[in-house]
């Protein structure tokens, strides 16, 4: 059960990890009301999810930590878990048999464009690592089929690429 004491404890634990974020007035979003937005996008991971991920991992017993932590996310929650795993309070435990994630396998790699990449049309695709991936141009440049590209970043299952020189 959530108690006020647990909230204060979380605040203490997160003090050196999570940034204090401001509320900003947003009167244009809903005229006639006092509406405020919390600027959690300014957290080091870009979202509030670092708070929950870090706090939960910090509260695991030594026995639970020794079993490791798996984040079933490729987004903000996984970034929070990864951050928590690199901080002194939480020890990152890695086994030798861990398989690389999709991002580990394709980031920085070369891919062949299979469908024209035009950021105005959502149908661009590349072939890499034995799979066809949805792709967008990181520069906005149109890239024709059969061109070779480098994978710059990954958002969810979409790759952002730029043409190789």
N, C-alpha and C. Protein backbone atom coordinates (compact mmCIF):
# COMPACT_ATOMS: atom_id res chain seq x y z
N UNK A 1 0.83 -1.18 0.00
CA UNK A 1 0.00 0.00 0.00
C UNK A 1 0.89 1.26 0.00
N UNK A 2 0.52 2.20 -0.81
CA UNK A 2 1.26 3.45 -0.89
C UNK A 2 0.93 4.33 0.31
N UNK A 3 1.97 4.78 0.98
CA UNK A 3 1.79 5.66 2.14
C UNK A 3 2.59 6.94 1.92
N UNK A 4 2.29 7.95 2.71
CA UNK A 4 3.03 9.20 2.64
C UNK A 4 4.51 8.97 2.97
N UNK A 5 4.78 8.06 3.90
CA UNK A 5 6.18 7.75 4.23
C UNK A 5 6.93 7.18 3.03
N UNK A 6 6.27 6.33 2.25
CA UNK A 6 6.92 5.77 1.06
C UNK A 6 7.20 6.86 0.02
N UNK A 7 6.31 7.81 -0.09
CA UNK A 7 6.52 8.92 -1.02
C UNK A 7 7.73 9.74 -0.59
N UNK A 8 7.81 10.03 0.71
CA UNK A 8 8.97 10.79 1.21
C UNK A 8 10.27 9.99 1.03
N UNK A 9 10.19 8.68 1.24
CA UNK A 9 11.37 7.84 1.07
C UNK A 9 11.82 7.85 -0.39
N UNK A 10 10.88 7.74 -1.32
CA UNK A 10 11.21 7.78 -2.76
C UNK A 10 11.85 9.12 -3.11
N UNK A 11 11.30 10.19 -2.56
CA UNK A 11 11.87 11.52 -2.82
C UNK A 11 13.33 11.57 -2.37
N UNK A 12 13.62 11.00 -1.22
CA UNK A 12 14.98 10.98 -0.70
C UNK A 12 15.90 10.14 -1.59
N UNK A 13 15.45 8.96 -1.98
CA UNK A 13 16.25 8.06 -2.81
C UNK A 13 16.53 8.69 -4.19
N UNK A 14 15.53 9.37 -4.74
CA UNK A 14 15.65 9.93 -6.09
C UNK A 14 16.35 11.28 -6.14
N UNK A 15 16.65 11.84 -4.97
CA UNK A 15 17.21 13.18 -4.89
C UNK A 15 18.44 13.38 -5.79
N UNK A 16 19.33 12.40 -5.86
CA UNK A 16 20.56 12.54 -6.63
C UNK A 16 20.44 11.98 -8.05
N UNK A 17 19.27 11.48 -8.41
CA UNK A 17 19.09 10.86 -9.72
C UNK A 17 18.15 11.67 -10.60
N UNK A 18 16.98 11.96 -10.08
CA UNK A 18 15.97 12.68 -10.87
C UNK A 18 16.14 14.18 -10.68
N UNK A 19 15.98 14.89 -11.77
CA UNK A 19 16.05 16.35 -11.71
C UNK A 19 14.74 16.90 -11.16
N UNK A 20 14.84 17.99 -10.44
CA UNK A 20 13.63 18.69 -10.01
C UNK A 20 13.12 19.44 -11.23
N UNK A 21 11.89 19.18 -11.61
CA UNK A 21 11.34 19.80 -12.81
C UNK A 21 10.24 20.78 -12.43
N UNK A 22 10.11 21.80 -13.24
CA UNK A 22 9.16 22.87 -12.97
C UNK A 22 7.79 22.59 -13.55
N UNK A 23 6.84 23.35 -13.05
CA UNK A 23 5.51 23.43 -13.66
C UNK A 23 5.49 24.70 -14.49
N UNK A 24 4.98 24.60 -15.70
CA UNK A 24 4.86 25.81 -16.51
C UNK A 24 3.39 26.02 -16.86
N UNK A 25 2.97 27.26 -16.80
CA UNK A 25 1.59 27.60 -17.11
C UNK A 25 1.33 27.36 -18.59
N UNK A 26 0.15 26.80 -18.88
CA UNK A 26 -0.24 26.54 -20.27
C UNK A 26 -1.67 27.05 -20.50
N UNK A 27 -1.87 28.36 -20.38
CA UNK A 27 -3.24 28.91 -20.47
C UNK A 27 -3.88 28.75 -21.84
N UNK A 28 -3.07 28.61 -22.89
CA UNK A 28 -3.64 28.49 -24.24
C UNK A 28 -4.24 27.12 -24.52
N UNK A 29 -3.79 26.09 -23.77
CA UNK A 29 -4.30 24.74 -24.02
C UNK A 29 -5.76 24.60 -23.61
N UNK A 30 -6.14 25.30 -22.58
CA UNK A 30 -7.53 25.24 -22.12
C UNK A 30 -7.89 26.60 -21.52
N UNK A 31 -8.27 27.55 -22.38
CA UNK A 31 -8.56 28.91 -21.91
C UNK A 31 -9.60 28.92 -20.77
N UNK A 32 -9.34 29.78 -19.82
CA UNK A 32 -10.26 29.92 -18.69
C UNK A 32 -9.96 28.98 -17.54
N UNK A 33 -8.89 28.19 -17.65
CA UNK A 33 -8.53 27.28 -16.55
C UNK A 33 -7.08 27.55 -16.14
N UNK A 34 -6.75 27.10 -14.96
CA UNK A 34 -5.36 27.16 -14.49
C UNK A 34 -4.72 25.82 -14.80
N UNK A 35 -4.14 25.70 -15.99
CA UNK A 35 -3.53 24.45 -16.43
C UNK A 35 -2.02 24.60 -16.42
N UNK A 36 -1.34 23.60 -15.85
CA UNK A 36 0.11 23.62 -15.78
C UNK A 36 0.66 22.31 -16.34
N UNK A 37 1.82 22.38 -16.95
CA UNK A 37 2.51 21.20 -17.46
C UNK A 37 3.77 20.97 -16.65
N UNK A 38 4.02 19.71 -16.29
CA UNK A 38 5.23 19.33 -15.56
C UNK A 38 6.28 18.98 -16.60
N UNK A 39 7.44 19.58 -16.54
CA UNK A 39 8.46 19.44 -17.58
C UNK A 39 9.36 18.22 -17.34
N UNK A 40 8.74 17.05 -17.26
CA UNK A 40 9.49 15.82 -17.04
C UNK A 40 10.33 15.43 -18.25
N UNK A 41 10.07 16.04 -19.40
CA UNK A 41 10.91 15.78 -20.58
C UNK A 41 12.33 16.29 -20.36
N UNK A 42 12.56 17.04 -19.30
CA UNK A 42 13.90 17.54 -19.00
C UNK A 42 14.72 16.57 -18.14
N UNK A 43 14.12 15.42 -17.78
CA UNK A 43 14.88 14.41 -17.05
C UNK A 43 16.00 13.91 -17.95
N UNK A 44 17.03 13.35 -17.36
CA UNK A 44 18.18 12.88 -18.12
C UNK A 44 17.77 11.83 -19.16
N UNK A 45 16.72 11.06 -18.91
CA UNK A 45 16.26 10.05 -19.87
C UNK A 45 15.12 10.57 -20.74
N UNK A 46 14.69 11.80 -20.53
CA UNK A 46 13.64 12.39 -21.37
C UNK A 46 12.23 12.12 -20.90
N UNK A 47 12.06 11.45 -19.76
CA UNK A 47 10.70 11.22 -19.25
C UNK A 47 10.73 10.96 -17.75
N UNK A 48 9.54 10.93 -17.18
CA UNK A 48 9.37 10.70 -15.74
C UNK A 48 9.68 9.25 -15.36
N UNK A 49 9.75 8.35 -16.31
CA UNK A 49 9.85 6.92 -16.00
C UNK A 49 11.13 6.54 -15.28
N UNK A 50 12.14 7.39 -15.33
CA UNK A 50 13.36 7.12 -14.58
C UNK A 50 13.05 7.05 -13.09
N UNK A 51 12.08 7.81 -12.63
CA UNK A 51 11.74 7.82 -11.20
C UNK A 51 11.29 6.44 -10.72
N UNK A 52 10.32 5.88 -11.41
CA UNK A 52 9.79 4.58 -10.99
C UNK A 52 10.79 3.46 -11.18
N UNK A 53 11.48 3.47 -12.31
CA UNK A 53 12.45 2.41 -12.58
C UNK A 53 13.58 2.42 -11.56
N UNK A 54 14.12 3.60 -11.31
CA UNK A 54 15.24 3.70 -10.37
C UNK A 54 14.80 3.32 -8.95
N UNK A 55 13.67 3.86 -8.54
CA UNK A 55 13.22 3.57 -7.17
C UNK A 55 12.96 2.08 -6.98
N UNK A 56 12.27 1.46 -7.93
CA UNK A 56 11.98 0.03 -7.80
C UNK A 56 13.26 -0.78 -7.71
N UNK A 57 14.21 -0.52 -8.57
CA UNK A 57 15.47 -1.28 -8.55
C UNK A 57 16.24 -1.03 -7.26
N UNK A 58 16.18 0.21 -6.77
CA UNK A 58 16.89 0.52 -5.53
C UNK A 58 16.32 -0.21 -4.32
N UNK A 59 15.08 -0.65 -4.42
CA UNK A 59 14.43 -1.33 -3.29
C UNK A 59 14.53 -2.85 -3.36
N UNK A 60 15.17 -3.38 -4.40
CA UNK A 60 15.33 -4.83 -4.50
C UNK A 60 16.33 -5.32 -3.46
N UNK A 61 16.10 -6.52 -2.96
CA UNK A 61 17.05 -7.13 -2.03
C UNK A 61 18.28 -7.57 -2.81
N UNK A 62 19.37 -7.89 -2.09
CA UNK A 62 20.58 -8.38 -2.75
C UNK A 62 20.28 -9.64 -3.55
N UNK A 63 19.46 -10.51 -2.99
CA UNK A 63 19.09 -11.76 -3.67
C UNK A 63 18.32 -11.46 -4.96
N UNK A 64 17.40 -10.52 -4.91
CA UNK A 64 16.64 -10.15 -6.11
C UNK A 64 17.54 -9.51 -7.16
N UNK A 65 18.44 -8.63 -6.72
CA UNK A 65 19.37 -8.00 -7.66
C UNK A 65 20.27 -9.00 -8.34
N UNK A 66 20.70 -10.02 -7.58
CA UNK A 66 21.59 -11.04 -8.13
C UNK A 66 20.94 -11.79 -9.28
N UNK A 67 19.61 -11.85 -9.30
CA UNK A 67 18.89 -12.53 -10.39
C UNK A 67 18.84 -11.67 -11.65
N UNK A 68 19.12 -10.38 -11.50
CA UNK A 68 19.12 -9.48 -12.65
C UNK A 68 17.77 -8.83 -12.89
N UNK A 69 17.74 -7.89 -13.79
CA UNK A 69 16.53 -7.15 -14.14
C UNK A 69 16.39 -7.14 -15.65
N UNK A 70 15.19 -7.38 -16.12
CA UNK A 70 14.91 -7.33 -17.55
C UNK A 70 13.89 -6.23 -17.79
N UNK A 71 14.16 -5.35 -18.72
CA UNK A 71 13.21 -4.30 -19.10
C UNK A 71 12.57 -4.71 -20.42
N UNK A 72 11.28 -4.94 -20.41
CA UNK A 72 10.56 -5.31 -21.64
C UNK A 72 10.07 -4.04 -22.31
N UNK A 73 11.01 -3.23 -22.72
CA UNK A 73 10.71 -1.94 -23.31
C UNK A 73 11.92 -1.51 -24.13
N UNK A 74 11.65 -0.79 -25.19
CA UNK A 74 12.76 -0.22 -25.95
C UNK A 74 12.69 1.30 -25.84
N UNK A 75 11.88 1.77 -24.93
CA UNK A 75 11.64 3.21 -24.83
C UNK A 75 12.08 3.82 -23.53
N UNK A 76 11.26 4.75 -23.03
CA UNK A 76 11.61 5.55 -21.85
C UNK A 76 11.81 4.71 -20.59
N UNK A 77 10.99 3.68 -20.40
CA UNK A 77 11.14 2.86 -19.20
C UNK A 77 12.48 2.12 -19.23
N UNK A 78 12.84 1.57 -20.38
CA UNK A 78 14.12 0.86 -20.50
C UNK A 78 15.28 1.81 -20.25
N UNK A 79 15.16 3.06 -20.69
CA UNK A 79 16.22 4.03 -20.43
C UNK A 79 16.35 4.29 -18.94
N UNK A 80 15.22 4.34 -18.23
CA UNK A 80 15.24 4.51 -16.78
C UNK A 80 15.91 3.33 -16.09
N UNK A 81 15.59 2.13 -16.54
CA UNK A 81 16.21 0.93 -15.97
C UNK A 81 17.71 0.93 -16.25
N UNK A 82 18.09 1.28 -17.47
CA UNK A 82 19.52 1.32 -17.82
C UNK A 82 20.26 2.35 -16.98
N UNK A 83 19.65 3.51 -16.77
CA UNK A 83 20.29 4.52 -15.93
C UNK A 83 20.46 4.00 -14.51
N UNK A 84 19.41 3.39 -13.98
CA UNK A 84 19.48 2.85 -12.62
C UNK A 84 20.60 1.81 -12.50
N UNK A 85 20.77 1.01 -13.53
CA UNK A 85 21.77 -0.05 -13.50
C UNK A 85 23.19 0.48 -13.53
N UNK A 86 23.37 1.75 -13.92
CA UNK A 86 24.72 2.30 -13.99
C UNK A 86 25.07 3.17 -12.79
N UNK A 87 24.13 3.37 -11.89
CA UNK A 87 24.39 4.21 -10.73
C UNK A 87 24.93 3.38 -9.57
N UNK A 88 25.70 3.99 -8.67
CA UNK A 88 26.33 3.25 -7.57
C UNK A 88 25.36 2.49 -6.68
N UNK A 89 24.14 2.99 -6.51
CA UNK A 89 23.18 2.33 -5.63
C UNK A 89 22.77 0.97 -6.18
N UNK A 90 22.79 0.83 -7.47
CA UNK A 90 22.34 -0.40 -8.10
C UNK A 90 23.50 -0.99 -8.90
N UNK A 91 23.82 -2.24 -8.67
CA UNK A 91 24.91 -2.89 -9.39
C UNK A 91 24.37 -3.57 -10.63
N UNK A 92 25.00 -3.31 -11.75
CA UNK A 92 24.58 -3.94 -13.00
C UNK A 92 25.24 -5.31 -13.08
N UNK A 93 24.43 -6.32 -13.17
CA UNK A 93 24.95 -7.67 -13.25
C UNK A 93 24.68 -8.22 -14.64
N UNK A 94 25.71 -8.63 -15.32
CA UNK A 94 25.55 -9.15 -16.68
C UNK A 94 26.05 -10.59 -16.73
N UNK A 95 25.31 -11.43 -17.42
CA UNK A 95 25.74 -12.81 -17.65
C UNK A 95 26.40 -12.89 -19.01
N UNK A 96 27.23 -13.86 -19.21
CA UNK A 96 27.95 -14.01 -20.47
C UNK A 96 27.03 -14.43 -21.62
N UNK A 97 25.90 -15.07 -21.31
CA UNK A 97 25.05 -15.61 -22.37
C UNK A 97 23.90 -14.68 -22.77
N UNK A 98 23.96 -13.42 -22.40
CA UNK A 98 22.90 -12.49 -22.77
C UNK A 98 22.99 -12.18 -24.26
N UNK A 99 21.87 -12.27 -24.92
CA UNK A 99 21.82 -12.00 -26.36
C UNK A 99 21.69 -10.50 -26.58
N UNK A 100 22.35 -9.97 -27.60
CA UNK A 100 22.24 -8.54 -27.87
C UNK A 100 20.82 -8.17 -28.30
N UNK A 101 20.40 -6.96 -27.98
CA UNK A 101 19.09 -6.48 -28.38
C UNK A 101 19.13 -6.10 -29.86
N UNK A 102 17.96 -5.85 -30.42
CA UNK A 102 17.89 -5.39 -31.81
C UNK A 102 18.77 -4.17 -32.00
N UNK A 103 18.68 -3.23 -31.08
CA UNK A 103 19.46 -1.99 -31.21
C UNK A 103 20.96 -2.29 -31.21
N UNK A 104 21.40 -3.20 -30.34
CA UNK A 104 22.82 -3.55 -30.30
C UNK A 104 23.29 -4.12 -31.63
N UNK A 105 22.43 -4.87 -32.29
CA UNK A 105 22.81 -5.53 -33.54
C UNK A 105 22.83 -4.59 -34.74
N UNK A 106 21.97 -3.58 -34.75
CA UNK A 106 21.84 -2.78 -35.98
C UNK A 106 22.39 -1.36 -35.89
N UNK A 107 22.48 -0.78 -34.70
CA UNK A 107 22.97 0.59 -34.60
C UNK A 107 24.39 0.70 -35.12
N UNK A 108 24.60 1.66 -35.99
CA UNK A 108 25.91 1.88 -36.58
C UNK A 108 26.19 0.97 -37.78
N UNK A 109 25.30 0.03 -38.03
CA UNK A 109 25.51 -0.92 -39.12
C UNK A 109 25.08 -0.37 -40.47
N UNK A 110 25.53 -1.07 -41.52
CA UNK A 110 25.15 -0.71 -42.89
C UNK A 110 23.90 -1.49 -43.28
N UNK A 111 23.02 -0.84 -44.02
CA UNK A 111 21.79 -1.47 -44.49
C UNK A 111 21.56 -1.10 -45.94
N UNK A 112 20.78 -1.92 -46.64
CA UNK A 112 20.42 -1.64 -48.03
C UNK A 112 18.97 -1.18 -48.07
N UNK A 113 18.71 -0.08 -48.75
CA UNK A 113 17.36 0.45 -48.86
C UNK A 113 16.56 -0.47 -49.78
N UNK A 114 15.41 -0.95 -49.30
CA UNK A 114 14.55 -1.83 -50.12
C UNK A 114 13.33 -1.08 -50.63
N UNK A 115 12.90 -0.06 -49.92
CA UNK A 115 11.80 0.80 -50.37
C UNK A 115 12.23 2.24 -50.20
N UNK A 116 11.95 3.06 -51.19
CA UNK A 116 12.36 4.47 -51.19
C UNK A 116 12.05 5.12 -49.84
N UNK A 117 13.05 5.83 -49.31
CA UNK A 117 12.87 6.53 -48.04
C UNK A 117 12.61 8.00 -48.34
N UNK A 118 11.41 8.42 -48.01
CA UNK A 118 10.96 9.80 -48.19
C UNK A 118 10.16 10.12 -46.94
N UNK A 119 10.65 11.01 -46.09
CA UNK A 119 9.99 11.27 -44.81
C UNK A 119 8.57 11.81 -44.95
N UNK A 120 8.17 12.21 -46.16
CA UNK A 120 6.79 12.65 -46.38
C UNK A 120 5.85 11.47 -46.59
N UNK A 121 6.42 10.28 -46.78
CA UNK A 121 5.64 9.06 -47.02
C UNK A 121 6.11 7.99 -46.03
N UNK A 122 5.20 7.31 -45.35
CA UNK A 122 5.61 6.38 -44.29
C UNK A 122 6.01 4.98 -44.75
N UNK A 123 6.52 4.82 -45.97
CA UNK A 123 6.77 3.47 -46.47
C UNK A 123 8.23 3.09 -46.65
N UNK A 124 9.18 3.92 -46.25
CA UNK A 124 10.59 3.60 -46.42
C UNK A 124 11.00 2.35 -45.65
N UNK A 125 11.94 1.56 -46.23
CA UNK A 125 12.38 0.34 -45.56
C UNK A 125 13.83 0.03 -45.92
N UNK A 126 14.50 -0.65 -44.99
CA UNK A 126 15.87 -1.10 -45.22
C UNK A 126 15.98 -2.56 -44.80
N UNK A 127 17.00 -3.23 -45.33
CA UNK A 127 17.27 -4.63 -44.99
C UNK A 127 18.60 -4.69 -44.26
N UNK A 128 18.56 -5.22 -43.03
CA UNK A 128 19.78 -5.37 -42.22
C UNK A 128 19.55 -6.50 -41.22
N UNK A 129 20.60 -7.22 -40.91
CA UNK A 129 20.55 -8.27 -39.89
C UNK A 129 19.48 -9.31 -40.21
N UNK A 130 19.28 -9.59 -41.52
CA UNK A 130 18.33 -10.61 -41.92
C UNK A 130 16.87 -10.21 -41.83
N UNK A 131 16.61 -8.91 -41.62
CA UNK A 131 15.23 -8.44 -41.48
C UNK A 131 15.03 -7.16 -42.28
N UNK A 132 13.76 -6.93 -42.62
CA UNK A 132 13.38 -5.67 -43.24
C UNK A 132 12.81 -4.78 -42.14
N UNK A 133 13.32 -3.56 -42.05
CA UNK A 133 12.92 -2.61 -41.02
C UNK A 133 12.29 -1.38 -41.66
N UNK A 134 11.32 -0.81 -40.98
CA UNK A 134 10.77 0.49 -41.37
C UNK A 134 11.87 1.51 -41.14
N UNK A 135 12.01 2.47 -42.07
CA UNK A 135 13.12 3.42 -41.95
C UNK A 135 12.71 4.83 -42.35
N UNK A 136 13.40 5.79 -41.75
CA UNK A 136 13.24 7.21 -42.06
C UNK A 136 14.64 7.78 -42.24
N UNK A 137 14.72 8.88 -42.96
CA UNK A 137 16.00 9.55 -43.16
C UNK A 137 16.26 10.47 -41.97
N UNK A 138 17.44 10.36 -41.36
CA UNK A 138 17.76 11.24 -40.23
C UNK A 138 18.03 12.67 -40.69
N UNK A 139 18.32 12.84 -41.99
CA UNK A 139 18.62 14.18 -42.52
C UNK A 139 17.45 14.77 -43.30
N UNK A 140 16.42 13.94 -43.57
CA UNK A 140 15.30 14.40 -44.39
C UNK A 140 15.52 14.17 -45.88
N UNK A 141 16.71 13.69 -46.23
CA UNK A 141 17.06 13.42 -47.62
C UNK A 141 16.25 12.23 -48.15
N UNK A 142 15.83 12.30 -49.41
CA UNK A 142 15.17 11.17 -50.06
C UNK A 142 16.27 10.18 -50.47
N UNK A 143 16.06 8.90 -50.14
CA UNK A 143 17.06 7.88 -50.44
C UNK A 143 16.39 6.79 -51.28
N UNK A 144 16.97 6.53 -52.43
CA UNK A 144 16.40 5.60 -53.40
C UNK A 144 16.75 4.14 -53.05
N UNK A 145 15.93 3.18 -53.56
CA UNK A 145 16.21 1.76 -53.34
C UNK A 145 17.61 1.36 -53.80
N UNK A 146 18.17 0.36 -53.13
CA UNK A 146 19.51 -0.19 -53.37
C UNK A 146 20.64 0.68 -52.85
N UNK A 147 20.35 1.87 -52.36
CA UNK A 147 21.40 2.70 -51.75
C UNK A 147 21.83 2.07 -50.43
N UNK A 148 23.07 2.26 -50.07
CA UNK A 148 23.58 1.79 -48.78
C UNK A 148 23.49 2.93 -47.78
N UNK A 149 23.01 2.61 -46.59
CA UNK A 149 22.82 3.62 -45.53
C UNK A 149 23.42 3.10 -44.23
N UNK A 150 23.69 4.02 -43.33
CA UNK A 150 24.17 3.69 -41.99
C UNK A 150 23.05 3.97 -41.01
N UNK A 151 22.83 3.04 -40.06
CA UNK A 151 21.78 3.20 -39.05
C UNK A 151 22.30 4.14 -37.96
N UNK A 152 21.62 5.26 -37.77
CA UNK A 152 22.04 6.30 -36.82
C UNK A 152 21.37 6.12 -35.46
N UNK A 153 20.07 5.86 -35.48
CA UNK A 153 19.36 5.67 -34.22
C UNK A 153 18.12 4.82 -34.46
N UNK A 154 17.52 4.39 -33.35
CA UNK A 154 16.35 3.54 -33.42
C UNK A 154 15.29 4.11 -32.49
N UNK A 155 14.08 4.25 -32.98
CA UNK A 155 12.95 4.67 -32.14
C UNK A 155 11.88 3.62 -32.27
N UNK A 156 11.71 2.84 -31.20
CA UNK A 156 10.78 1.71 -31.27
C UNK A 156 11.32 0.71 -32.27
N UNK A 157 10.56 0.44 -33.34
CA UNK A 157 11.02 -0.49 -34.37
C UNK A 157 11.37 0.24 -35.66
N UNK A 158 11.45 1.54 -35.61
CA UNK A 158 11.79 2.34 -36.79
C UNK A 158 13.25 2.77 -36.70
N UNK A 159 13.98 2.56 -37.81
CA UNK A 159 15.38 2.95 -37.87
C UNK A 159 15.50 4.31 -38.54
N UNK A 160 16.41 5.14 -38.04
CA UNK A 160 16.74 6.41 -38.68
C UNK A 160 18.12 6.23 -39.29
N UNK A 161 18.20 6.52 -40.58
CA UNK A 161 19.41 6.23 -41.34
C UNK A 161 19.90 7.44 -42.08
N UNK A 162 21.17 7.39 -42.50
CA UNK A 162 21.70 8.41 -43.40
C UNK A 162 22.52 7.70 -44.47
N UNK A 163 22.53 8.29 -45.63
CA UNK A 163 23.21 7.70 -46.78
C UNK A 163 24.70 7.61 -46.52
N UNK A 164 25.28 6.46 -46.88
CA UNK A 164 26.72 6.29 -46.73
C UNK A 164 27.44 7.06 -47.84
N UNK A 165 28.59 7.61 -47.52
CA UNK A 165 29.35 8.40 -48.51
C UNK A 165 30.01 7.52 -49.54
